[in-house]
Amino acid sequence: MTQNLKPEINKKRVALHTLGCRLNFSETGSIAKGFQERGYEIVDFGEPADVSFINTCTVTDGADSTCRNLIRKAHRASPEGKVVVAGCYAQMDSERISKMTGVDLVLGTSEKYKVFDYLEEDQDQVVHIDKSVTFYGAATSEAEGHTRAFLKIQDGCNYVCSFCIIPQARGRSRALPIKEAIENAKKLLSEGFKEIVLTGVNIGEYEANTGERLSDLVYQLLDLKELKRLRLGSVEPNTLSDELLDTFASSPKFLEHFHIPLQSGDDTILKEMRRKYTVDQYRSLIEKVVSRFPDAGIGADVICGFPGETEEQFKNTYNLLKELPITHFHVFPYSSRKNTTAARMENHIQHGVKKDRVRTLKMFGEAKLRMFAEDQVGSSTEVLFERRNEFGMWEGYTRNYVRVAVASDADLKNHIHHVYLRDFNTSDFKDDLLIGEILN
């Protein structure tokens, strides 16, 4: 006997894609949760969807180009669906984006939080770019399936680095008071997250905006019983104080992983970039970090081919990276950004030269990370597992941010296990990674 079942009402579908930094990921997380609360089903980007939401980055020309490709992909997948382009690139080049086929909404860095209001208006095309500096809190949501939670505590920047367009895209620095940040963290922990990463454009400026010390916020976060792991996002070298380092070292919950932008290892280039430190000051900071955290993984952003950079100045950067225990290289070719001081400089470096320098540093960085990982073979550490890879093994990251894979039939997602690191694999997988065994 056949039962006549009532057909389910189809949910609306939304596909989201995030470009750029952890800050963007935290913001997309809050927006994803908003869609879910309004009855949307979240699907993979590129699948047919009623709404495709692209949270953009504009740090480089490459990021802009990637965004335009994603717009085309979204429109091909859902010709009748709405395409929403939001964030930094939308803020800086709304006119160009609005002329692309399929774009329905262009929302700046503040307006993206009002996406639900604009979708309800159902107009042909809407462009909203707000120059205000309102602070919108954000955090990763379980709607996206992430394991580590990105908690936004700061936005904008008051620095005037000659190459950077972000202050124009995101406005002046502002931050979330400690009380609100703790409340947001508690919400994340109640959703099941075990690790929180603090994010912002320039989180070292936290005290300058709120009058409250970043070290006090960190201390209160570390005191939360449900929190198992805490990381700090990218922090400017001149803002990473002894007080902060001492606070980090006071708790085993703080993970031995730092992201400290370098940009150049040459003092003349640093001055031209308007960075707020010298090579010696950067070197001294790294030595302090390693003295407190001997096993720390340390990431650094580096720009190759800044206007006027000579071969000797590039070698100064290479040699500094060789000297210092930097383990994670984030290398970018200099990208000229409209209305920045560097864009008006002379002696711009040829594309081929920049490409070669980037390749040299990336290869060197891969070798250093490999050595850092191999040195950990034979030790044991905690790993927060995130996903099962294509080979059926569970992957996660150590406390100092090295990728580990283990074989297990159990569901390890969002579980922390003590793992013995028995081998470093360079052949069976597409990327190098440590192979571990879970200890009782």
Protein backbone atom coordinates (compact mmCIF):
# COMPACT_ATOMS: atom_id res chain seq x y z
CA MET A 1 0.00 0.00 0.00
CA THR A 2 1.40 3.35 -1.05
CA GLN A 3 1.21 6.23 1.39
CA ASN A 4 0.56 9.72 0.07
CA LEU A 5 3.16 11.77 1.85
CA LYS A 6 2.82 15.50 2.03
CA PRO A 7 5.69 17.10 0.07
CA GLU A 8 8.09 19.08 2.22
CA ILE A 9 8.22 22.81 1.69
CA ASN A 10 11.56 23.49 0.02
CA LYS A 11 13.85 25.67 2.03
CA LYS A 12 15.56 28.57 0.38
CA ARG A 13 19.24 27.87 -0.26
CA VAL A 14 22.24 30.11 0.32
CA ALA A 15 25.83 29.55 -0.79
CA LEU A 16 28.57 31.54 0.92
CA HIS A 17 32.20 32.11 -0.01
CA THR A 18 34.83 34.00 1.96
CA LEU A 19 38.01 35.56 0.60
CA GLY A 20 40.87 36.90 2.67
CA CYS A 21 41.57 36.99 6.37
CA ARG A 22 40.22 35.33 9.50
CA LEU A 23 38.33 38.52 10.23
CA ASN A 24 36.32 37.96 7.05
CA PHE A 25 35.62 34.38 8.11
CA SER A 26 34.26 35.55 11.46
CA GLU A 27 31.97 38.03 9.69
CA THR A 28 30.73 35.46 7.20
CA GLY A 29 30.02 33.18 10.16
CA SER A 30 27.66 35.71 11.72
CA ILE A 31 25.94 36.30 8.39
CA ALA A 32 25.60 32.55 7.77
CA LYS A 33 23.90 32.19 11.13
CA GLY A 34 21.51 35.00 10.15
CA PHE A 35 20.56 33.15 6.97
CA GLN A 36 20.04 29.94 8.92
CA GLU A 37 17.80 31.68 11.46
CA ARG A 38 15.67 32.91 8.55
CA GLY A 39 15.11 29.38 7.30
CA TYR A 40 17.82 29.11 4.65
CA GLU A 41 19.68 25.89 3.97
CA ILE A 42 23.43 26.44 3.56
CA VAL A 43 24.89 24.68 0.50
CA ASP A 44 28.36 24.53 -1.01
CA PHE A 45 29.35 27.52 -3.10
CA GLY A 46 28.83 26.77 -6.78
CA GLU A 47 25.68 24.73 -6.17
CA PRO A 48 22.30 26.13 -7.28
CA ALA A 49 21.15 28.62 -4.66
CA ASP A 50 18.56 31.33 -4.16
CA VAL A 51 21.33 33.58 -2.79
CA SER A 52 25.08 33.46 -3.40
CA PHE A 53 26.95 35.62 -0.88
CA ILE A 54 30.59 36.53 -1.56
CA ASN A 55 32.53 38.23 1.26
CA THR A 56 35.44 39.87 -0.54
CA CYS A 57 39.03 40.93 0.07
CA THR A 58 40.97 43.65 -1.74
CA VAL A 59 44.50 43.32 -0.34
CA THR A 60 45.90 42.44 -3.79
CA ASP A 61 44.95 42.52 -7.48
CA GLY A 62 44.77 38.73 -7.26
CA ALA A 63 42.05 38.90 -4.61
CA ASP A 64 40.03 41.28 -6.80
CA SER A 65 40.38 38.98 -9.80
CA THR A 66 39.37 35.93 -7.77
CA CYS A 67 36.25 37.74 -6.62
CA ARG A 68 35.20 38.52 -10.19
CA ASN A 69 35.66 34.85 -11.12
CA LEU A 70 33.49 33.82 -8.18
CA ILE A 71 30.74 36.19 -9.31
CA ARG A 72 30.73 34.53 -12.73
CA LYS A 73 30.70 31.07 -11.10
CA ALA A 74 27.75 31.98 -8.88
CA HIS A 75 25.76 33.39 -11.80
CA ARG A 76 26.41 30.30 -13.94
CA ALA A 77 25.30 28.00 -11.13
CA SER A 78 22.13 29.99 -10.37
CA PRO A 79 21.09 32.31 -13.22
CA GLU A 80 17.82 33.09 -11.42
CA GLY A 81 19.37 33.39 -7.97
CA LYS A 82 20.60 36.60 -6.38
CA VAL A 83 24.33 37.32 -6.22
CA VAL A 84 25.45 39.46 -3.27
CA VAL A 85 28.99 40.90 -3.34
CA ALA A 86 30.03 42.37 0.00
CA GLY A 87 33.04 43.52 1.98
CA CYS A 88 36.32 45.26 1.22
CA TYR A 89 36.45 44.89 -2.57
CA ALA A 90 32.80 45.91 -2.80
CA GLN A 91 33.61 48.96 -0.68
CA MET A 92 36.52 50.04 -2.90
CA ASP A 93 35.28 49.20 -6.42
CA SER A 94 31.49 49.08 -6.28
CA GLU A 95 31.08 50.66 -9.72
CA ARG A 96 33.01 47.94 -11.53
CA ILE A 97 31.29 45.16 -9.60
CA SER A 98 27.83 46.60 -10.22
CA LYS A 99 28.38 46.40 -13.99
CA MET A 100 29.04 42.66 -13.92
CA THR A 101 26.33 40.35 -15.20
CA GLY A 102 24.29 38.72 -12.47
CA VAL A 103 25.20 41.00 -9.56
CA ASP A 104 22.11 41.99 -7.54
CA LEU A 105 23.54 43.53 -4.38
CA VAL A 106 26.82 45.35 -3.73
CA LEU A 107 27.32 45.95 -0.01
CA GLY A 108 30.27 47.68 1.66
CA THR A 109 32.06 46.64 4.84
CA SER A 110 29.32 47.96 7.14
CA GLU A 111 26.31 47.41 4.89
CA LYS A 112 26.90 43.67 4.53
CA TYR A 113 25.30 43.12 7.93
CA LYS A 114 22.05 44.55 6.53
CA VAL A 115 21.93 42.03 3.69
CA PHE A 116 18.64 40.54 4.92
CA ASP A 117 16.87 43.91 4.77
CA TYR A 118 18.11 44.55 1.26
CA LEU A 119 17.11 41.08 0.04
CA GLU A 120 13.55 41.72 1.21
CA GLU A 121 13.38 44.91 -0.89
CA ASP A 122 13.60 42.78 -4.06
CA GLN A 123 14.86 45.60 -6.31
CA ASP A 124 16.68 45.06 -9.61
CA GLN A 125 20.07 46.08 -8.24
CA VAL A 126 21.13 47.88 -5.10
CA VAL A 127 24.53 49.37 -4.25
CA HIS A 128 25.08 50.42 -0.65
CA ILE A 129 28.45 51.79 0.44
CA ASP A 130 28.46 53.37 3.91
CA LYS A 131 31.50 55.40 5.05
CA SER A 132 30.58 55.20 8.74
CA VAL A 133 32.76 53.41 11.28
CA THR A 134 30.12 51.49 13.20
CA PHE A 135 31.48 48.39 14.91
CA TYR A 136 29.68 45.17 14.06
CA GLY A 137 30.60 42.21 16.22
CA ALA A 138 31.05 38.87 14.48
CA ALA A 139 32.03 35.29 15.14
CA THR A 140 32.20 31.96 13.39
CA SER A 141 28.96 29.98 13.58
CA GLU A 142 28.29 26.25 13.63
CA ALA A 143 26.22 26.89 10.48
CA GLU A 144 29.43 26.88 8.42
CA GLY A 145 30.82 23.68 9.89
CA HIS A 146 34.06 25.19 11.20
CA THR A 147 35.82 23.64 14.19
CA ARG A 148 37.87 26.65 15.32
CA ALA A 149 35.84 29.75 16.14
CA PHE A 150 37.03 33.15 14.93
CA LEU A 151 35.94 35.90 17.34
CA LYS A 152 36.10 39.47 16.05
CA ILE A 153 37.24 41.90 18.74
CA GLN A 154 38.52 44.80 16.58
CA ASP A 155 38.05 46.37 13.16
CA GLY A 156 39.67 49.09 11.05
CA CYS A 157 43.15 50.58 11.35
CA ASN A 158 44.70 53.97 12.18
CA TYR A 159 48.08 53.09 10.67
CA VAL A 160 49.15 54.59 7.34
CA CYS A 161 51.32 51.86 5.82
CA SER A 162 52.16 53.13 2.35
CA PHE A 163 51.08 49.94 0.54
CA CYS A 164 47.84 49.19 2.38
CA ILE A 165 44.30 49.95 1.28
CA ILE A 166 42.54 48.34 4.26
CA PRO A 167 42.12 51.56 6.30
CA GLN A 168 40.25 53.00 3.31
CA ALA A 169 38.08 49.89 3.04
CA ARG A 170 37.36 49.36 6.74
CA GLY A 171 37.78 52.80 8.28
CA ARG A 172 39.41 53.86 11.52
CA SER A 173 40.16 51.47 14.35
CA ARG A 174 37.42 50.51 16.81
CA ALA A 175 36.97 47.54 19.13
CA LEU A 176 34.57 45.52 21.24
CA PRO A 177 34.57 46.13 25.02
CA ILE A 178 35.70 43.23 27.20
CA LYS A 179 32.22 42.55 28.59
CA GLU A 180 30.71 42.09 25.12
CA ALA A 181 33.68 40.08 23.88
CA ILE A 182 33.32 37.66 26.82
CA GLU A 183 29.57 37.33 26.17
CA ASN A 184 30.26 36.49 22.52
CA ALA A 185 32.90 33.97 23.54
CA LYS A 186 30.46 32.27 25.92
CA LYS A 187 27.94 31.94 23.07
CA LEU A 188 30.58 30.23 20.92
CA LEU A 189 31.48 27.84 23.72
CA SER A 190 27.81 27.02 24.31
CA GLU A 191 27.60 26.00 20.63
CA GLY A 192 30.33 23.43 21.21
CA PHE A 193 33.46 25.23 20.03
CA LYS A 194 36.57 24.35 22.01
CA GLU A 195 39.08 26.71 20.36
CA ILE A 196 38.73 30.46 19.82
CA VAL A 197 40.94 32.62 17.61
CA LEU A 198 40.84 36.36 18.31
CA THR A 199 40.67 38.35 15.08
CA GLY A 200 40.72 41.93 13.84
CA VAL A 201 42.54 44.18 11.40
CA ASN A 202 44.92 45.45 14.09
CA ILE A 203 44.06 43.78 17.40
CA GLY A 204 47.14 45.24 19.07
CA GLU A 205 45.30 48.59 19.04
CA TYR A 206 42.59 47.15 21.29
CA GLU A 207 43.44 49.24 24.36
CA ALA A 208 43.74 52.45 22.33
CA ASN A 209 40.09 52.01 21.26
CA THR A 210 38.41 50.66 24.39
CA GLY A 211 40.60 51.96 27.21
CA GLU A 212 40.76 48.33 28.37
CA ARG A 213 43.89 46.21 28.16
CA LEU A 214 44.04 43.37 25.67
CA SER A 215 45.89 41.35 28.29
CA ASP A 216 42.84 41.66 30.59
CA LEU A 217 40.55 40.38 27.85
CA VAL A 218 42.89 37.45 27.20
CA TYR A 219 43.10 36.68 30.93
CA GLN A 220 39.32 36.60 31.28
CA LEU A 221 38.95 34.40 28.20
CA LEU A 222 41.53 31.95 29.52
CA ASP A 223 39.53 31.78 32.76
CA LEU A 224 36.42 30.46 30.96
CA LYS A 225 35.99 26.85 32.04
CA GLU A 226 34.58 25.57 28.73
CA LEU A 227 37.42 27.09 26.67
CA LYS A 228 40.13 24.55 25.91
CA ARG A 229 42.34 26.46 23.45
CA LEU A 230 42.97 30.12 22.60
CA ARG A 231 44.96 31.57 19.72
CA LEU A 232 45.73 35.14 18.76
CA GLY A 233 45.27 36.27 15.17
CA SER A 234 47.76 38.47 13.34
CA VAL A 235 49.29 41.05 15.68
CA GLU A 236 51.58 43.93 14.71
CA PRO A 237 55.15 43.59 16.07
CA ASN A 238 55.08 46.96 17.81
CA THR A 239 51.96 46.01 19.79
CA LEU A 240 53.03 42.59 21.11
CA SER A 241 54.10 43.66 24.60
CA ASP A 242 55.92 41.81 27.38
CA GLU A 243 52.71 42.04 29.41
CA LEU A 244 50.78 40.21 26.70
CA LEU A 245 53.44 37.53 26.36
CA ASP A 246 53.42 37.00 30.13
CA THR A 247 49.61 36.65 30.09
CA PHE A 248 49.81 34.10 27.28
CA ALA A 249 52.47 32.12 29.15
CA SER A 250 50.33 32.02 32.31
CA SER A 251 47.91 29.41 30.94
CA PRO A 252 48.28 26.10 29.08
CA LYS A 253 45.12 27.02 27.18
CA PHE A 254 47.05 29.55 25.11
CA LEU A 255 48.54 27.85 22.08
CA GLU A 256 52.15 28.26 20.96
CA HIS A 257 51.30 29.82 17.61
CA PHE A 258 51.87 33.45 16.62
CA HIS A 259 51.32 35.43 13.43
CA ILE A 260 53.64 38.45 13.41
CA PRO A 261 53.83 40.37 10.09
CA LEU A 262 57.33 41.19 8.88
CA GLN A 263 56.73 42.57 5.33
CA SER A 264 60.46 43.22 4.74
CA GLY A 265 63.79 42.37 6.33
CA ASP A 266 65.40 45.62 5.15
CA ASP A 267 65.26 48.80 7.24
CA THR A 268 65.09 51.14 4.25
CA ILE A 269 62.12 49.28 2.78
CA LEU A 270 60.41 49.13 6.18
CA LYS A 271 60.75 52.92 6.41
CA GLU A 272 59.33 53.36 2.90
CA MET A 273 56.46 51.09 3.90
CA ARG A 274 55.87 53.24 7.02
CA ARG A 275 56.11 50.24 9.30
CA LYS A 276 56.46 50.99 13.01
CA TYR A 277 59.54 48.86 13.79
CA THR A 278 63.07 48.17 12.61
CA VAL A 279 64.71 44.87 11.72
CA ASP A 280 66.50 44.81 15.08
CA GLN A 281 63.26 45.41 16.95
CA TYR A 282 61.55 42.61 15.04
CA ARG A 283 64.46 40.27 15.73
CA SER A 284 64.35 41.12 19.43
CA LEU A 285 60.60 40.41 19.57
CA ILE A 286 60.97 36.99 17.96
CA GLU A 287 63.72 36.15 20.46
CA LYS A 288 61.35 37.11 23.33
CA VAL A 289 58.58 34.93 21.92
CA VAL A 290 60.84 31.92 21.54
CA SER A 291 62.34 32.40 25.03
CA ARG A 292 58.82 32.04 26.50
CA PHE A 293 57.51 29.52 23.96
CA PRO A 294 60.46 27.37 22.77
CA ASP A 295 58.24 25.21 20.53
CA ALA A 296 56.27 28.10 19.01
CA GLY A 297 55.13 28.08 15.42
CA ILE A 298 55.58 31.62 14.11
CA GLY A 299 54.00 32.93 10.92
CA ALA A 300 55.06 36.07 9.10
CA ASP A 301 53.64 38.05 6.17
CA VAL A 302 56.24 39.12 3.61
CA ILE A 303 55.84 41.42 0.59
CA CYS A 304 58.20 40.86 -2.35
CA GLY A 305 58.95 43.54 -4.94
CA PHE A 306 57.96 46.68 -3.06
CA PRO A 307 58.76 49.73 -5.27
CA GLY A 308 62.50 50.26 -5.40
CA GLU A 309 63.40 46.96 -3.70
CA THR A 310 66.86 45.99 -4.91
CA GLU A 311 68.24 42.48 -5.14
CA GLU A 312 70.39 43.20 -2.10
CA GLN A 313 67.36 44.36 -0.10
CA PHE A 314 65.48 41.22 -1.08
CA LYS A 315 68.46 39.16 0.11
CA ASN A 316 68.31 41.00 3.43
CA THR A 317 64.75 39.72 3.81
CA TYR A 318 65.76 36.20 2.80
CA ASN A 319 68.69 36.16 5.22
CA LEU A 320 66.58 37.46 8.11
CA LEU A 321 63.99 34.74 7.50
CA LYS A 322 66.84 32.23 7.38
CA GLU A 323 68.21 33.50 10.69
CA LEU A 324 64.93 33.70 12.63
CA PRO A 325 62.76 30.72 13.70
CA ILE A 326 59.90 31.74 11.40
CA THR A 327 58.00 28.57 10.50
CA HIS A 328 55.01 29.68 8.42
CA PHE A 329 55.70 32.02 5.48
CA HIS A 330 52.83 34.04 3.96
CA VAL A 331 54.42 35.55 0.85
CA PHE A 332 52.78 38.06 -1.48
CA PRO A 333 53.99 40.02 -4.51
CA TYR A 334 53.61 43.75 -4.00
CA SER A 335 50.30 44.81 -5.51
CA SER A 336 49.71 48.47 -6.36
CA ARG A 337 46.54 49.72 -4.66
CA LYS A 338 44.78 52.85 -5.86
CA ASN A 339 45.14 55.97 -3.67
CA THR A 340 48.01 54.55 -1.61
CA THR A 341 51.38 56.30 -1.28
CA ALA A 342 53.29 53.32 -2.66
CA ALA A 343 51.22 53.36 -5.85
CA ARG A 344 52.65 56.81 -6.62
CA MET A 345 56.26 55.78 -6.02
CA GLU A 346 58.78 55.36 -8.80
CA ASN A 347 60.86 52.28 -9.62
CA HIS A 348 58.05 49.74 -9.58
CA ILE A 349 59.44 46.23 -9.90
CA GLN A 350 58.75 44.16 -13.02
CA HIS A 351 56.16 41.42 -12.62
CA GLY A 352 58.64 38.67 -13.53
CA VAL A 353 61.11 39.79 -10.87
CA LYS A 354 58.37 39.86 -8.20
CA LYS A 355 57.19 36.42 -9.29
CA ASP A 356 60.71 34.97 -8.99
CA ARG A 357 61.21 36.47 -5.53
CA VAL A 358 57.87 35.15 -4.33
CA ARG A 359 58.70 31.68 -5.65
CA THR A 360 62.11 31.75 -3.92
CA LEU A 361 60.64 32.65 -0.54
CA LYS A 362 57.72 30.23 -0.83
CA MET A 363 60.06 27.32 -1.60
CA PHE A 364 62.30 28.34 1.29
CA GLY A 365 59.28 28.64 3.58
CA GLU A 366 58.07 25.17 2.64
CA ALA A 367 61.51 23.77 3.47
CA LYS A 368 61.57 25.51 6.87
CA LEU A 369 58.07 24.31 7.75
CA ARG A 370 59.05 20.78 6.74
CA MET A 371 62.11 20.91 9.03
CA PHE A 372 59.97 22.32 11.86
CA ALA A 373 57.49 19.46 11.48
CA GLU A 374 60.15 16.76 11.18
CA ASP A 375 61.77 17.97 14.41
CA GLN A 376 58.55 17.09 16.25
CA VAL A 377 58.59 13.42 15.23
CA GLY A 378 58.94 11.27 18.33
CA SER A 379 57.11 13.74 20.59
CA SER A 380 53.48 13.92 21.65
CA THR A 381 51.05 16.83 21.64
CA GLU A 382 47.37 17.76 21.69
CA VAL A 383 45.51 17.91 18.37
CA LEU A 384 42.06 19.37 17.67
CA PHE A 385 40.66 17.31 14.80
CA GLU A 386 38.72 19.09 12.07
CA ARG A 387 37.93 16.84 9.12
CA ARG A 388 38.41 13.48 7.44
CA ASN A 389 40.64 13.84 4.38
CA GLU A 390 40.32 12.16 0.99
CA PHE A 391 42.48 9.27 2.22
CA GLY A 392 40.10 8.51 5.08
CA MET A 393 42.38 9.88 7.80
CA TRP A 394 41.39 12.49 10.36
CA GLU A 395 43.31 15.78 10.19
CA GLY A 396 43.84 18.51 12.71
CA TYR A 397 46.41 20.96 14.02
CA THR A 398 48.91 20.75 16.84
CA ARG A 399 49.26 23.47 19.45
CA ASN A 400 51.95 25.10 17.31
CA TYR A 401 49.89 24.82 14.12
CA VAL A 402 51.37 21.86 12.28
CA ARG A 403 48.97 19.60 10.41
CA VAL A 404 48.60 16.02 11.66
CA ALA A 405 46.72 13.02 10.27
CA VAL A 406 45.69 9.88 12.18
CA ALA A 407 43.83 6.73 11.21
CA SER A 408 40.62 6.19 13.16
CA ASP A 409 37.17 4.72 12.56
CA ALA A 410 35.67 7.03 15.19
CA ASP A 411 34.21 10.46 14.48
CA LEU A 412 36.96 12.77 15.71
CA LYS A 413 35.57 16.10 14.51
CA ASN A 414 35.87 18.80 17.18
CA HIS A 415 37.57 16.41 19.59
CA ILE A 416 40.94 17.06 21.21
CA HIS A 417 43.23 14.06 21.62
CA HIS A 418 46.76 13.51 22.84
CA VAL A 419 48.68 12.26 19.82
CA TYR A 420 52.08 10.61 19.41
CA LEU A 421 53.81 12.00 16.31
CA ARG A 422 55.48 8.95 14.79
CA ASP A 423 56.36 9.99 11.24
CA PHE A 424 56.51 12.78 8.70
CA ASN A 425 54.92 11.85 5.39
CA THR A 426 56.10 13.39 2.12
CA SER A 427 54.94 10.83 -0.45
CA ASP A 428 51.43 9.44 0.01
CA PHE A 429 49.66 12.80 0.36
CA LYS A 430 49.43 15.92 -1.77
CA ASP A 431 50.83 18.01 1.09
CA ASP A 432 53.44 17.19 3.68
CA LEU A 433 52.02 16.38 7.11
CA LEU A 434 52.79 14.61 10.35
CA ILE A 435 51.40 11.11 10.89
CA GLY A 436 50.28 10.37 14.43
CA GLU A 437 48.70 7.80 16.68
CA ILE A 438 46.10 8.66 19.32
CA LEU A 439 47.27 7.92 22.86
CA ASN A 440 44.89 6.78 25.59
